[in-house]
Amino acid sequence: MLRGLCGGGLLLAAAPALAMEADAPPPEGWAGVRLAIVGGEGRITQLDPLGPAARAGLRTGDVVIASNGGGLETLSAALAGAPGEQVALEVRRGQGRRTVRLVLEQQDSARP
């Protein structure tokens, strides 16, 4: 009788698949930037020219000194947020400082 109610068992077979999809981790965001953390500073070593960081005005050699209002210790978590999340980076370039805001994307979304 249960087999008849479940459409030949399809409902029971679909339940584990739905559970696996619900357990899948959310997609990680992408900023298109690579940093080297040295002496409490994050120096930008590589920048994807099509990525959110480059479009926000960051350059190779810029130094990230804070993220999202916290210290550099919050940088990894900020850059690993979900696509669509905004990240505010406090950046030093030469003698100047400024805040740069970028929106994390899925990596493939910036590719033509």
N, C-alpha and C. Protein backbone atom coordinates (compact mmCIF):
# COMPACT_ATOMS: atom_id res chain seq x y z
N MET A 1 0.82 -1.19 0.00
CA MET A 1 0.00 0.00 0.00
C MET A 1 0.86 1.26 0.00
N LEU A 2 1.93 1.25 0.76
CA LEU A 2 2.82 2.41 0.79
C LEU A 2 3.40 2.67 -0.60
N ARG A 3 3.68 1.60 -1.31
CA ARG A 3 4.22 1.76 -2.65
C ARG A 3 3.22 2.47 -3.54
N GLY A 4 1.98 2.15 -3.44
CA GLY A 4 0.95 2.82 -4.22
C GLY A 4 0.80 4.28 -3.85
N LEU A 5 0.92 4.59 -2.60
CA LEU A 5 0.78 5.98 -2.14
C LEU A 5 1.97 6.84 -2.55
N CYS A 6 3.13 6.22 -2.66
CA CYS A 6 4.34 6.97 -2.95
C CYS A 6 4.67 6.97 -4.43
N GLY A 7 3.76 6.55 -5.25
CA GLY A 7 4.02 6.58 -6.69
C GLY A 7 5.09 5.59 -7.10
N GLY A 8 5.02 4.39 -6.59
CA GLY A 8 6.00 3.38 -6.97
C GLY A 8 7.33 3.56 -6.27
N GLY A 9 7.36 4.26 -5.18
CA GLY A 9 8.60 4.43 -4.43
C GLY A 9 9.40 5.65 -4.84
N LEU A 10 8.96 6.41 -5.82
CA LEU A 10 9.72 7.57 -6.26
C LEU A 10 9.85 8.64 -5.19
N LEU A 11 8.81 8.80 -4.41
CA LEU A 11 8.88 9.80 -3.36
C LEU A 11 9.96 9.45 -2.36
N LEU A 12 10.05 8.16 -2.00
CA LEU A 12 11.07 7.74 -1.05
C LEU A 12 12.47 7.87 -1.65
N ALA A 13 12.61 7.61 -2.94
CA ALA A 13 13.92 7.72 -3.58
C ALA A 13 14.34 9.17 -3.72
N ALA A 14 13.38 10.07 -3.88
CA ALA A 14 13.71 11.48 -4.06
C ALA A 14 14.09 12.16 -2.76
N ALA A 15 13.60 11.66 -1.65
CA ALA A 15 13.87 12.31 -0.37
C ALA A 15 15.35 12.42 -0.05
N PRO A 16 16.18 11.35 -0.22
CA PRO A 16 17.61 11.50 0.07
C PRO A 16 18.28 12.52 -0.85
N ALA A 17 17.87 12.61 -2.10
CA ALA A 17 18.46 13.58 -3.02
C ALA A 17 18.16 15.00 -2.56
N LEU A 18 16.95 15.23 -2.11
CA LEU A 18 16.60 16.56 -1.61
C LEU A 18 17.40 16.90 -0.37
N ALA A 19 17.60 15.91 0.49
CA ALA A 19 18.38 16.16 1.71
C ALA A 19 19.81 16.50 1.36
N MET A 20 20.40 15.85 0.36
CA MET A 20 21.78 16.14 -0.02
C MET A 20 21.88 17.56 -0.57
N GLU A 21 20.93 17.99 -1.38
CA GLU A 21 20.96 19.34 -1.92
C GLU A 21 20.86 20.37 -0.81
N ALA A 22 20.05 20.11 0.18
CA ALA A 22 19.88 21.05 1.29
C ALA A 22 21.15 21.14 2.12
N ASP A 23 21.96 20.06 2.17
CA ASP A 23 23.19 20.05 2.94
C ASP A 23 24.38 20.62 2.18
N ALA A 24 24.22 20.88 0.89
CA ALA A 24 25.33 21.40 0.09
C ALA A 24 25.72 22.78 0.60
N PRO A 25 27.02 23.06 0.67
CA PRO A 25 27.44 24.38 1.15
C PRO A 25 27.03 25.46 0.16
N PRO A 26 26.76 26.66 0.65
CA PRO A 26 26.39 27.74 -0.26
C PRO A 26 27.58 28.10 -1.13
N PRO A 27 27.34 28.66 -2.30
CA PRO A 27 28.46 29.04 -3.16
C PRO A 27 29.30 30.12 -2.50
N GLU A 28 30.59 30.04 -2.72
CA GLU A 28 31.51 31.03 -2.15
C GLU A 28 31.68 32.17 -3.14
N GLY A 29 31.75 33.37 -2.62
CA GLY A 29 31.94 34.53 -3.46
C GLY A 29 33.37 34.64 -3.97
N TRP A 30 33.55 35.50 -4.94
CA TRP A 30 34.86 35.69 -5.59
C TRP A 30 35.09 37.18 -5.74
N ALA A 31 36.29 37.63 -5.37
CA ALA A 31 36.64 39.03 -5.49
C ALA A 31 37.65 39.27 -6.61
N GLY A 32 38.30 38.21 -7.09
CA GLY A 32 39.27 38.35 -8.16
C GLY A 32 40.58 38.97 -7.70
N VAL A 33 40.95 38.66 -6.46
CA VAL A 33 42.16 39.25 -5.89
C VAL A 33 42.93 38.19 -5.11
N ARG A 34 44.24 38.26 -5.17
CA ARG A 34 45.10 37.39 -4.38
C ARG A 34 46.00 38.28 -3.54
N LEU A 35 46.11 37.95 -2.24
CA LEU A 35 46.88 38.76 -1.31
C LEU A 35 47.97 37.94 -0.65
N ALA A 36 49.03 38.63 -0.24
CA ALA A 36 50.06 38.04 0.61
C ALA A 36 50.00 38.78 1.93
N ILE A 37 49.74 38.04 3.02
CA ILE A 37 49.65 38.65 4.34
C ILE A 37 51.04 38.60 4.97
N VAL A 38 51.61 39.79 5.18
CA VAL A 38 52.94 39.90 5.76
C VAL A 38 52.94 41.06 6.74
N GLY A 39 53.39 40.81 7.95
CA GLY A 39 53.54 41.88 8.94
C GLY A 39 52.23 42.60 9.25
N GLY A 40 51.13 41.88 9.27
CA GLY A 40 49.85 42.49 9.62
C GLY A 40 49.22 43.29 8.50
N GLU A 41 49.72 43.12 7.28
CA GLU A 41 49.15 43.82 6.13
C GLU A 41 48.90 42.81 5.01
N GLY A 42 47.90 43.09 4.20
CA GLY A 42 47.59 42.23 3.06
C GLY A 42 47.91 42.95 1.77
N ARG A 43 49.04 42.62 1.19
CA ARG A 43 49.44 43.26 -0.07
C ARG A 43 48.84 42.50 -1.25
N ILE A 44 48.20 43.23 -2.16
CA ILE A 44 47.60 42.62 -3.34
C ILE A 44 48.72 42.23 -4.30
N THR A 45 48.80 40.91 -4.58
CA THR A 45 49.86 40.40 -5.45
C THR A 45 49.35 40.07 -6.85
N GLN A 46 48.06 39.73 -6.96
CA GLN A 46 47.46 39.45 -8.26
C GLN A 46 46.04 39.97 -8.28
N LEU A 47 45.64 40.41 -9.45
CA LEU A 47 44.31 40.98 -9.61
C LEU A 47 43.76 40.53 -10.95
N ASP A 48 42.59 39.93 -10.94
CA ASP A 48 41.94 39.55 -12.19
C ASP A 48 41.34 40.82 -12.79
N PRO A 49 41.72 41.18 -14.01
CA PRO A 49 41.23 42.43 -14.60
C PRO A 49 39.72 42.48 -14.80
N LEU A 50 39.05 41.30 -14.81
CA LEU A 50 37.60 41.26 -14.96
C LEU A 50 36.88 41.10 -13.63
N GLY A 51 37.62 41.01 -12.54
CA GLY A 51 37.02 40.73 -11.24
C GLY A 51 36.48 41.96 -10.53
N PRO A 52 35.68 41.73 -9.49
CA PRO A 52 35.09 42.82 -8.72
C PRO A 52 36.12 43.77 -8.10
N ALA A 53 37.25 43.23 -7.64
CA ALA A 53 38.26 44.08 -7.00
C ALA A 53 38.85 45.09 -8.00
N ALA A 54 39.17 44.63 -9.19
CA ALA A 54 39.71 45.52 -10.22
C ALA A 54 38.68 46.57 -10.63
N ARG A 55 37.44 46.14 -10.79
CA ARG A 55 36.39 47.10 -11.17
C ARG A 55 36.13 48.12 -10.07
N ALA A 56 36.42 47.74 -8.82
CA ALA A 56 36.23 48.68 -7.71
C ALA A 56 37.40 49.66 -7.59
N GLY A 57 38.45 49.45 -8.38
CA GLY A 57 39.57 50.39 -8.38
C GLY A 57 40.82 49.92 -7.67
N LEU A 58 40.84 48.70 -7.19
CA LEU A 58 42.05 48.19 -6.53
C LEU A 58 43.12 47.91 -7.57
N ARG A 59 44.39 47.97 -7.12
CA ARG A 59 45.53 47.73 -8.01
C ARG A 59 46.51 46.78 -7.34
N THR A 60 47.29 46.08 -8.15
CA THR A 60 48.38 45.27 -7.62
C THR A 60 49.31 46.20 -6.84
N GLY A 61 49.70 45.76 -5.65
CA GLY A 61 50.57 46.57 -4.79
C GLY A 61 49.82 47.33 -3.71
N ASP A 62 48.50 47.52 -3.87
CA ASP A 62 47.71 48.14 -2.80
C ASP A 62 47.83 47.29 -1.55
N VAL A 63 47.72 47.94 -0.40
CA VAL A 63 47.83 47.23 0.88
C VAL A 63 46.48 47.30 1.60
N VAL A 64 45.90 46.14 1.87
CA VAL A 64 44.63 46.07 2.61
C VAL A 64 44.98 46.04 4.10
N ILE A 65 44.43 46.99 4.86
CA ILE A 65 44.74 47.06 6.28
C ILE A 65 43.55 46.71 7.17
N ALA A 66 42.35 46.63 6.60
CA ALA A 66 41.16 46.26 7.36
C ALA A 66 40.05 45.86 6.40
N SER A 67 39.08 45.10 6.93
CA SER A 67 37.94 44.71 6.10
C SER A 67 36.66 44.77 6.92
N ASN A 68 35.61 45.27 6.30
CA ASN A 68 34.29 45.37 6.92
C ASN A 68 34.32 45.97 8.32
N GLY A 69 35.16 46.97 8.51
CA GLY A 69 35.22 47.67 9.78
C GLY A 69 36.03 46.95 10.84
N GLY A 70 36.53 45.77 10.56
CA GLY A 70 37.35 45.02 11.51
C GLY A 70 38.80 45.03 11.05
N GLY A 71 39.60 44.37 11.80
CA GLY A 71 41.01 44.28 11.44
C GLY A 71 41.24 43.30 10.31
N LEU A 72 42.48 43.07 10.02
CA LEU A 72 42.85 42.17 8.93
C LEU A 72 42.43 40.73 9.21
N GLU A 73 42.21 40.39 10.49
CA GLU A 73 41.79 39.03 10.83
C GLU A 73 40.41 38.70 10.28
N THR A 74 39.64 39.69 9.87
CA THR A 74 38.32 39.44 9.30
C THR A 74 38.36 39.32 7.78
N LEU A 75 39.52 39.52 7.18
CA LEU A 75 39.63 39.56 5.72
C LEU A 75 39.25 38.24 5.06
N SER A 76 39.76 37.13 5.55
CA SER A 76 39.44 35.83 4.95
C SER A 76 37.95 35.58 4.94
N ALA A 77 37.31 35.79 6.05
CA ALA A 77 35.86 35.56 6.13
C ALA A 77 35.10 36.51 5.21
N ALA A 78 35.54 37.76 5.14
CA ALA A 78 34.86 38.74 4.30
C ALA A 78 34.95 38.35 2.83
N LEU A 79 36.13 37.90 2.39
CA LEU A 79 36.31 37.54 0.98
C LEU A 79 35.73 36.18 0.64
N ALA A 80 35.35 35.39 1.65
CA ALA A 80 34.75 34.08 1.41
C ALA A 80 33.23 34.13 1.56
N GLY A 81 32.66 35.31 1.59
CA GLY A 81 31.21 35.44 1.72
C GLY A 81 30.49 34.93 0.49
N ALA A 82 29.20 34.98 0.54
CA ALA A 82 28.37 34.49 -0.57
C ALA A 82 28.34 35.52 -1.71
N PRO A 83 28.13 35.06 -2.93
CA PRO A 83 27.95 36.00 -4.04
C PRO A 83 26.85 37.00 -3.71
N GLY A 84 27.09 38.26 -4.01
CA GLY A 84 26.13 39.31 -3.73
C GLY A 84 26.44 40.09 -2.46
N GLU A 85 27.31 39.53 -1.60
CA GLU A 85 27.67 40.24 -0.37
C GLU A 85 28.64 41.38 -0.68
N GLN A 86 28.45 42.48 0.03
CA GLN A 86 29.34 43.63 -0.14
C GLN A 86 30.49 43.54 0.87
N VAL A 87 31.69 43.88 0.40
CA VAL A 87 32.88 43.88 1.24
C VAL A 87 33.49 45.28 1.19
N ALA A 88 33.77 45.84 2.36
CA ALA A 88 34.43 47.14 2.45
C ALA A 88 35.87 46.91 2.88
N LEU A 89 36.81 47.32 2.05
CA LEU A 89 38.23 47.15 2.35
C LEU A 89 38.87 48.51 2.60
N GLU A 90 39.57 48.63 3.70
CA GLU A 90 40.37 49.83 3.98
C GLU A 90 41.72 49.58 3.32
N VAL A 91 42.10 50.47 2.40
CA VAL A 91 43.27 50.24 1.55
C VAL A 91 44.22 51.42 1.65
N ARG A 92 45.51 51.08 1.68
CA ARG A 92 46.55 52.11 1.63
C ARG A 92 47.27 51.99 0.29
N ARG A 93 47.39 53.11 -0.39
CA ARG A 93 48.13 53.19 -1.65
C ARG A 93 49.07 54.37 -1.51
N GLY A 94 50.36 54.10 -1.47
CA GLY A 94 51.32 55.18 -1.22
C GLY A 94 51.07 55.75 0.17
N GLN A 95 50.89 57.06 0.26
CA GLN A 95 50.61 57.71 1.55
C GLN A 95 49.12 57.86 1.80
N GLY A 96 48.29 57.59 0.81
CA GLY A 96 46.85 57.79 0.95
C GLY A 96 46.13 56.54 1.45
N ARG A 97 44.97 56.78 2.05
CA ARG A 97 44.09 55.70 2.53
C ARG A 97 42.69 55.95 1.99
N ARG A 98 41.99 54.86 1.71
CA ARG A 98 40.60 54.99 1.28
C ARG A 98 39.87 53.69 1.52
N THR A 99 38.55 53.77 1.50
CA THR A 99 37.72 52.58 1.63
C THR A 99 37.19 52.23 0.25
N VAL A 100 37.37 50.98 -0.12
CA VAL A 100 36.91 50.48 -1.41
C VAL A 100 35.81 49.46 -1.13
N ARG A 101 34.70 49.59 -1.81
CA ARG A 101 33.59 48.66 -1.65
C ARG A 101 33.44 47.84 -2.93
N LEU A 102 33.32 46.55 -2.74
CA LEU A 102 33.11 45.66 -3.88
C LEU A 102 32.04 44.65 -3.52
N VAL A 103 31.45 44.05 -4.53
CA VAL A 103 30.41 43.03 -4.35
C VAL A 103 30.95 41.71 -4.86
N LEU A 104 30.95 40.71 -3.98
CA LEU A 104 31.43 39.38 -4.37
C LEU A 104 30.53 38.79 -5.45
N GLU A 105 31.14 38.03 -6.35
CA GLU A 105 30.42 37.40 -7.45
C GLU A 105 30.75 35.92 -7.51
N GLN A 106 30.02 35.20 -8.33
CA GLN A 106 30.44 33.85 -8.68
C GLN A 106 31.54 34.02 -9.71
N GLN A 107 32.60 33.25 -9.60
CA GLN A 107 33.75 33.44 -10.46
C GLN A 107 33.42 33.40 -11.94
N ASP A 108 32.55 32.50 -12.35
CA ASP A 108 32.24 32.38 -13.78
C ASP A 108 31.37 33.52 -14.30
N SER A 109 30.79 34.33 -13.42
CA SER A 109 29.91 35.41 -13.88
C SER A 109 30.69 36.56 -14.54
N ALA A 110 31.98 36.67 -14.27
CA ALA A 110 32.78 37.76 -14.84
C ALA A 110 33.39 37.38 -16.18
N ARG A 111 33.29 36.13 -16.54
CA ARG A 111 33.90 35.66 -17.79
C ARG A 111 32.98 35.87 -18.98
N PRO A 112 33.54 36.43 -20.07
CA PRO A 112 32.73 36.62 -21.29
C PRO A 112 32.40 35.31 -21.95
